Amino acid sequence: MRIVGGLHRGLTLADVGKGDPGAHLRPTSDRVREAIFNVLLGGRFGNPVAGAHVLDLFAGTGALGIEALSRGAAFATFVDSGRVAQGLIRDNLRRARREGDARLIVTDAARIPPCDRAPAGLVFLDPPYGRLMGGAALTAAQSAGWISPGAVVVWEESGPQIPPAGFTLADQRRYGDTHVTFLTADAP
């Protein structure tokens, strides 16, 4: 895995190795990541990356959030409860020299604490496929003040997703066995 665009283009990320089968660690492929950023930067959403505060729920390796930092995001908050994922995120932030532009919150994404900084304008949501965890995490993040009105949400799953209350469907794409649902956060 590598960063596919921006300042850190070509940076090799930490090897997942055996990963963490119990946590269903499944990194987003370079191809899917590139496709996601092509949609984000293709004009439909303006440029939700430049200067953005990013929230990466079920962050895994941190590749999505680091890709956003590479492409001009101001800050990224990574949320993951898995020990293997936490080590990978820390290693990848160190490789990109972005420790000062990011933080890791060690918790279950559905139990995220109240937001203590500017809310995110860009949210990545990549829960374990087929476990119905994404909607609860997204709702918890919104309730805790992590998501700004109008924020763009990128939700990866094994099938298309229905937006929970407070979000509007903007687009859906399929890349092999990965379905990406793009949402926008409604104004309160």
C-alpha atoms as a PDB file:
ATOM      1  CA  MET A   1       0.000   0.000   0.000  1.00  0.00           C
ATOM      2  CA  ARG A   2       1.105   3.496  -0.785  1.00  0.00           C
ATOM      3  CA  ILE A   3      -0.208   7.061  -0.812  1.00  0.00           C
ATOM      4  CA  VAL A   4      -1.510   7.716  -4.323  1.00  0.00           C
ATOM      5  CA  GLY A   5      -1.612  11.520  -4.525  1.00  0.00           C
ATOM      6  CA  GLY A   6      -0.482  14.823  -3.111  1.00  0.00           C
ATOM      7  CA  LEU A   7       2.562  15.732  -1.048  1.00  0.00           C
ATOM      8  CA  HIS A   8       3.243  12.152   0.068  1.00  0.00           C
ATOM      9  CA  ARG A   9       2.512  10.500  -3.276  1.00  0.00           C
ATOM     10  CA  GLY A  10       4.375   7.186  -3.515  1.00  0.00           C
ATOM     11  CA  LEU A  11       4.982   6.897   0.252  1.00  0.00           C
ATOM     12  CA  THR A  12       4.923   3.221   1.187  1.00  0.00           C
ATOM     13  CA  LEU A  13       2.696   2.518   4.175  1.00  0.00           C
ATOM     14  CA  ALA A  14       3.366  -0.019   6.910  1.00  0.00           C
ATOM     15  CA  ASP A  15       2.865  -3.633   5.911  1.00  0.00           C
ATOM     16  CA  VAL A  16      -0.340  -5.007   7.384  1.00  0.00           C
ATOM     17  CA  GLY A  17       1.201  -8.481   7.631  1.00  0.00           C
ATOM     18  CA  LYS A  18      -1.319 -10.905   9.104  1.00  0.00           C
ATOM     19  CA  GLY A  19      -3.462  -7.944  10.089  1.00  0.00           C
ATOM     20  CA  ASP A  20      -6.022  -8.493  12.813  1.00  0.00           C
ATOM     21  CA  PRO A  21      -8.649 -11.064  11.736  1.00  0.00           C
ATOM     22  CA  GLY A  22     -10.622 -10.526  14.946  1.00  0.00           C
ATOM     23  CA  ALA A  23     -11.011  -6.826  14.170  1.00  0.00           C
ATOM     24  CA  HIS A  24     -11.656  -7.471  10.462  1.00  0.00           C
ATOM     25  CA  LEU A  25      -8.772  -5.197   9.460  1.00  0.00           C
ATOM     26  CA  ARG A  26      -9.211  -4.732   5.715  1.00  0.00           C
ATOM     27  CA  PRO A  27      -7.248  -1.819   4.234  1.00  0.00           C
ATOM     28  CA  THR A  28      -8.725   0.208   1.401  1.00  0.00           C
ATOM     29  CA  SER A  29      -6.829  -0.669  -1.763  1.00  0.00           C
ATOM     30  CA  ASP A  30      -4.796   1.972  -3.581  1.00  0.00           C
ATOM     31  CA  ARG A  31      -7.181   1.719  -6.544  1.00  0.00           C
ATOM     32  CA  VAL A  32     -10.308   2.327  -4.450  1.00  0.00           C
ATOM     33  CA  ARG A  33      -8.628   5.147  -2.510  1.00  0.00           C
ATOM     34  CA  GLU A  34      -7.641   6.831  -5.771  1.00  0.00           C
ATOM     35  CA  ALA A  35     -11.212   6.454  -7.093  1.00  0.00           C
ATOM     36  CA  ILE A  36     -12.659   7.942  -3.882  1.00  0.00           C
ATOM     37  CA  PHE A  37     -10.417  10.997  -4.123  1.00  0.00           C
ATOM     38  CA  ASN A  38     -11.233  11.382  -7.823  1.00  0.00           C
ATOM     39  CA  VAL A  39     -14.919  11.631  -6.864  1.00  0.00           C
ATOM     40  CA  LEU A  40     -14.196  13.987  -3.952  1.00  0.00           C
ATOM     41  CA  LEU A  41     -12.078  16.304  -6.077  1.00  0.00           C
ATOM     42  CA  GLY A  42     -14.047  15.919  -9.309  1.00  0.00           C
ATOM     43  CA  GLY A  43     -16.186  19.012  -8.764  1.00  0.00           C
ATOM     44  CA  ARG A  44     -19.410  17.615  -7.357  1.00  0.00           C
ATOM     45  CA  PHE A  45     -18.384  18.344  -3.776  1.00  0.00           C
ATOM     46  CA  GLY A  46     -16.170  21.362  -4.470  1.00  0.00           C
ATOM     47  CA  ASN A  47     -12.934  20.532  -2.689  1.00  0.00           C
ATOM     48  CA  PRO A  48     -13.854  19.017   0.676  1.00  0.00           C
ATOM     49  CA  VAL A  49     -10.206  18.082   1.311  1.00  0.00           C
ATOM     50  CA  ALA A  50      -8.334  21.421   1.200  1.00  0.00           C
ATOM     51  CA  GLY A  51      -7.912  22.751   4.732  1.00  0.00           C
ATOM     52  CA  ALA A  52     -10.381  20.204   6.103  1.00  0.00           C
ATOM     53  CA  HIS A  53     -10.560  18.655   9.514  1.00  0.00           C
ATOM     54  CA  VAL A  54     -10.914  14.944   8.781  1.00  0.00           C
ATOM     55  CA  LEU A  55     -12.506  12.242  10.916  1.00  0.00           C
ATOM     56  CA  ASP A  56     -11.433   8.695  10.020  1.00  0.00           C
ATOM     57  CA  LEU A  57     -13.724   6.203  11.803  1.00  0.00           C
ATOM     58  CA  PHE A  58     -12.639   2.548  11.889  1.00  0.00           C
ATOM     59  CA  ALA A  59      -9.343   3.974  10.623  1.00  0.00           C
ATOM     60  CA  GLY A  60      -7.489   0.649  10.239  1.00  0.00           C
ATOM     61  CA  THR A  61      -4.137   1.629   8.717  1.00  0.00           C
ATOM     62  CA  GLY A  62      -5.028   5.322   8.578  1.00  0.00           C
ATOM     63  CA  ALA A  63      -4.506   5.336   4.803  1.00  0.00           C
ATOM     64  CA  LEU A  64      -7.636   7.363   4.012  1.00  0.00           C
ATOM     65  CA  GLY A  65      -6.897  10.082   6.555  1.00  0.00           C
ATOM     66  CA  ILE A  66      -3.224  10.226   5.588  1.00  0.00           C
ATOM     67  CA  GLU A  67      -4.223  10.434   1.922  1.00  0.00           C
ATOM     68  CA  ALA A  68      -6.395  13.443   2.844  1.00  0.00           C
ATOM     69  CA  LEU A  69      -3.474  15.057   4.728  1.00  0.00           C
ATOM     70  CA  SER A  70      -1.271  14.432   1.707  1.00  0.00           C
ATOM     71  CA  ARG A  71      -3.803  16.248  -0.477  1.00  0.00           C
ATOM     72  CA  GLY A  72      -4.138  19.339   1.742  1.00  0.00           C
ATOM     73  CA  ALA A  73      -6.309  18.521   4.755  1.00  0.00           C
ATOM     74  CA  ALA A  74      -5.338  20.544   7.834  1.00  0.00           C
ATOM     75  CA  PHE A  75      -5.841  17.900  10.529  1.00  0.00           C
ATOM     76  CA  ALA A  76      -7.015  14.302  10.869  1.00  0.00           C
ATOM     77  CA  THR A  77      -8.496  12.455  13.820  1.00  0.00           C
ATOM     78  CA  PHE A  78      -8.211   8.678  13.582  1.00  0.00           C
ATOM     79  CA  VAL A  79     -10.540   6.449  15.620  1.00  0.00           C
ATOM     80  CA  ASP A  80      -9.915   2.738  16.071  1.00  0.00           C
ATOM     81  CA  SER A  81     -10.184   0.288  18.960  1.00  0.00           C
ATOM     82  CA  GLY A  82      -7.927  -2.437  17.533  1.00  0.00           C
ATOM     83  CA  ARG A  83      -4.362  -2.713  18.844  1.00  0.00           C
ATOM     84  CA  VAL A  84      -2.908  -3.770  15.503  1.00  0.00           C
ATOM     85  CA  ALA A  85      -4.657  -0.861  13.769  1.00  0.00           C
ATOM     86  CA  GLN A  86      -3.410   1.602  16.377  1.00  0.00           C
ATOM     87  CA  GLY A  87       0.171   0.496  15.785  1.00  0.00           C
ATOM     88  CA  LEU A  88      -0.255   0.755  12.013  1.00  0.00           C
ATOM     89  CA  ILE A  89      -1.751   4.252  12.259  1.00  0.00           C
ATOM     90  CA  ARG A  90       1.078   5.464  14.491  1.00  0.00           C
ATOM     91  CA  ASP A  91       3.691   3.909  12.194  1.00  0.00           C
ATOM     92  CA  ASN A  92       2.106   5.422   9.076  1.00  0.00           C
ATOM     93  CA  LEU A  93       1.829   8.882  10.643  1.00  0.00           C
ATOM     94  CA  ARG A  94       5.504   8.628  11.579  1.00  0.00           C
ATOM     95  CA  ARG A  95       6.433   7.573   8.021  1.00  0.00           C
ATOM     96  CA  ALA A  96       4.555  10.582   6.620  1.00  0.00           C
ATOM     97  CA  ARG A  97       5.904  12.857   9.390  1.00  0.00           C
ATOM     98  CA  ARG A  98       2.335  13.957  10.165  1.00  0.00           C
ATOM     99  CA  GLU A  99       2.178  13.269  13.915  1.00  0.00           C
ATOM    100  CA  GLY A 100       1.685  16.999  14.512  1.00  0.00           C
ATOM    101  CA  ASP A 101      -1.298  17.162  12.143  1.00  0.00           C
ATOM    102  CA  ALA A 102      -3.155  14.204  13.569  1.00  0.00           C
ATOM    103  CA  ARG A 103      -4.283  12.362  16.625  1.00  0.00           C
ATOM    104  CA  LEU A 104      -5.474   8.883  17.417  1.00  0.00           C
ATOM    105  CA  ILE A 105      -8.466   8.251  19.658  1.00  0.00           C
ATOM    106  CA  VAL A 106      -8.437   4.732  21.038  1.00  0.00           C
ATOM    107  CA  THR A 107     -12.092   3.775  21.369  1.00  0.00           C
ATOM    108  CA  ASP A 108     -14.949   1.969  19.699  1.00  0.00           C
ATOM    109  CA  ALA A 109     -16.170   4.301  16.931  1.00  0.00           C
ATOM    110  CA  ALA A 110     -19.752   4.102  18.246  1.00  0.00           C
ATOM    111  CA  ARG A 111     -18.538   5.399  21.638  1.00  0.00           C
ATOM    112  CA  ILE A 112     -16.539   8.396  20.457  1.00  0.00           C
ATOM    113  CA  PRO A 113     -16.213  11.073  23.179  1.00  0.00           C
ATOM    114  CA  PRO A 114     -17.545  14.614  22.680  1.00  0.00           C
ATOM    115  CA  CYS A 115     -15.632  16.672  20.128  1.00  0.00           C
ATOM    116  CA  ASP A 116     -13.098  19.053  21.655  1.00  0.00           C
ATOM    117  CA  ARG A 117     -11.974  20.799  18.464  1.00  0.00           C
ATOM    118  CA  ALA A 118     -13.377  22.033  15.140  1.00  0.00           C
ATOM    119  CA  PRO A 119     -15.820  19.514  13.677  1.00  0.00           C
ATOM    120  CA  ALA A 120     -14.879  17.529  10.595  1.00  0.00           C
ATOM    121  CA  GLY A 121     -15.827  18.629   7.110  1.00  0.00           C
ATOM    122  CA  LEU A 122     -14.748  15.269   5.687  1.00  0.00           C
ATOM    123  CA  VAL A 123     -15.506  11.902   7.284  1.00  0.00           C
ATOM    124  CA  PHE A 124     -14.259   8.462   6.286  1.00  0.00           C
ATOM    125  CA  LEU A 125     -16.251   5.504   7.565  1.00  0.00           C
ATOM    126  CA  ASP A 126     -14.898   2.016   6.842  1.00  0.00           C
ATOM    127  CA  PRO A 127     -16.473  -0.419   9.326  1.00  0.00           C
ATOM    128  CA  PRO A 128     -16.066  -4.193   9.208  1.00  0.00           C
ATOM    129  CA  TYR A 129     -18.167  -5.320   6.256  1.00  0.00           C
ATOM    130  CA  GLY A 130     -21.640  -6.703   6.911  1.00  0.00           C
ATOM    131  CA  ARG A 131     -21.684  -6.068  10.671  1.00  0.00           C
ATOM    132  CA  LEU A 132     -24.077  -3.091  10.652  1.00  0.00           C
ATOM    133  CA  MET A 133     -21.669  -0.925  12.651  1.00  0.00           C
ATOM    134  CA  GLY A 134     -21.373   2.077  10.324  1.00  0.00           C
ATOM    135  CA  GLY A 135     -24.704   3.756  10.967  1.00  0.00           C
ATOM    136  CA  ALA A 136     -24.295   3.633  14.751  1.00  0.00           C
ATOM    137  CA  ALA A 137     -20.774   5.085  14.540  1.00  0.00           C
ATOM    138  CA  LEU A 138     -21.865   7.867  12.187  1.00  0.00           C
ATOM    139  CA  THR A 139     -24.829   8.772  14.398  1.00  0.00           C
ATOM    140  CA  ALA A 140     -22.604   8.748  17.515  1.00  0.00           C
ATOM    141  CA  ALA A 141     -20.031  11.019  15.842  1.00  0.00           C
ATOM    142  CA  GLN A 142     -22.733  13.454  14.772  1.00  0.00           C
ATOM    143  CA  SER A 143     -24.324  13.473  18.248  1.00  0.00           C
ATOM    144  CA  ALA A 144     -20.916  14.102  19.842  1.00  0.00           C
ATOM    145  CA  GLY A 145     -20.337  17.166  17.625  1.00  0.00           C
ATOM    146  CA  TRP A 146     -17.637  15.676  15.380  1.00  0.00           C
ATOM    147  CA  ILE A 147     -19.398  16.335  12.049  1.00  0.00           C
ATOM    148  CA  SER A 148     -20.057  19.819  10.682  1.00  0.00           C
ATOM    149  CA  PRO A 149     -23.226  20.629   8.706  1.00  0.00           C
ATOM    150  CA  GLY A 150     -22.535  20.035   5.017  1.00  0.00           C
ATOM    151  CA  ALA A 151     -19.671  17.621   5.751  1.00  0.00           C
ATOM    152  CA  VAL A 152     -18.993  14.972   3.131  1.00  0.00           C
ATOM    153  CA  VAL A 153     -19.070  11.387   4.401  1.00  0.00           C
ATOM    154  CA  VAL A 154     -17.385   8.546   2.492  1.00  0.00           C
ATOM    155  CA  TRP A 155     -18.780   5.191   3.681  1.00  0.00           C
ATOM    156  CA  GLU A 156     -17.184   1.938   2.471  1.00  0.00           C
ATOM    157  CA  GLU A 157     -19.122  -1.295   2.868  1.00  0.00           C
ATOM    158  CA  SER A 158     -19.905  -4.571   1.144  1.00  0.00           C
ATOM    159  CA  GLY A 159     -23.144  -3.115  -0.220  1.00  0.00           C
ATOM    160  CA  PRO A 160     -24.787   0.267  -0.787  1.00  0.00           C
ATOM    161  CA  GLN A 161     -25.818   2.004   2.428  1.00  0.00           C
ATOM    162  CA  ILE A 162     -28.961   3.885   3.407  1.00  0.00           C
ATOM    163  CA  PRO A 163     -28.170   7.189   5.118  1.00  0.00           C
ATOM    164  CA  PRO A 164     -29.124   7.443   8.778  1.00  0.00           C
ATOM    165  CA  ALA A 165     -31.217  10.393   9.981  1.00  0.00           C
ATOM    166  CA  GLY A 166     -29.311  13.647   9.601  1.00  0.00           C
ATOM    167  CA  PHE A 167     -27.558  12.656   6.358  1.00  0.00           C
ATOM    168  CA  THR A 168     -28.470  12.850   2.671  1.00  0.00           C
ATOM    169  CA  LEU A 169     -27.372  10.456  -0.055  1.00  0.00           C
ATOM    170  CA  ALA A 170     -25.146  12.213  -2.621  1.00  0.00           C
ATOM    171  CA  ASP A 171     -23.704   9.357  -4.697  1.00  0.00           C
ATOM    172  CA  GLN A 172     -22.958   5.624  -4.696  1.00  0.00           C
ATOM    173  CA  ARG A 173     -20.192   3.793  -6.524  1.00  0.00           C
ATOM    174  CA  ARG A 174     -19.044   0.184  -6.753  1.00  0.00           C
ATOM    175  CA  TYR A 175     -15.428  -0.922  -7.071  1.00  0.00           C
ATOM    176  CA  GLY A 176     -15.285  -4.728  -7.178  1.00  0.00           C
ATOM    177  CA  ASP A 177     -16.659  -5.976  -3.856  1.00  0.00           C
ATOM    178  CA  THR A 178     -16.460  -2.514  -2.288  1.00  0.00           C
ATOM    179  CA  HIS A 179     -19.441  -0.170  -2.354  1.00  0.00           C
ATOM    180  CA  VAL A 180     -18.774   3.477  -1.561  1.00  0.00           C
ATOM    181  CA  THR A 181     -21.680   5.626  -0.426  1.00  0.00           C
ATOM    182  CA  PHE A 182     -21.157   9.396  -0.390  1.00  0.00           C
ATOM    183  CA  LEU A 183     -23.342  11.354   2.010  1.00  0.00           C
ATOM    184  CA  THR A 184     -23.639  14.950   3.128  1.00  0.00           C
ATOM    185  CA  ALA A 185     -24.479  15.959   6.683  1.00  0.00           C
ATOM    186  CA  ASP A 186     -27.719  17.909   7.003  1.00  0.00           C
ATOM    187  CA  ALA A 187     -27.898  21.237   8.800  1.00  0.00           C
ATOM    188  CA  PRO A 188     -29.432  20.913  12.281  1.00  0.00           C
END
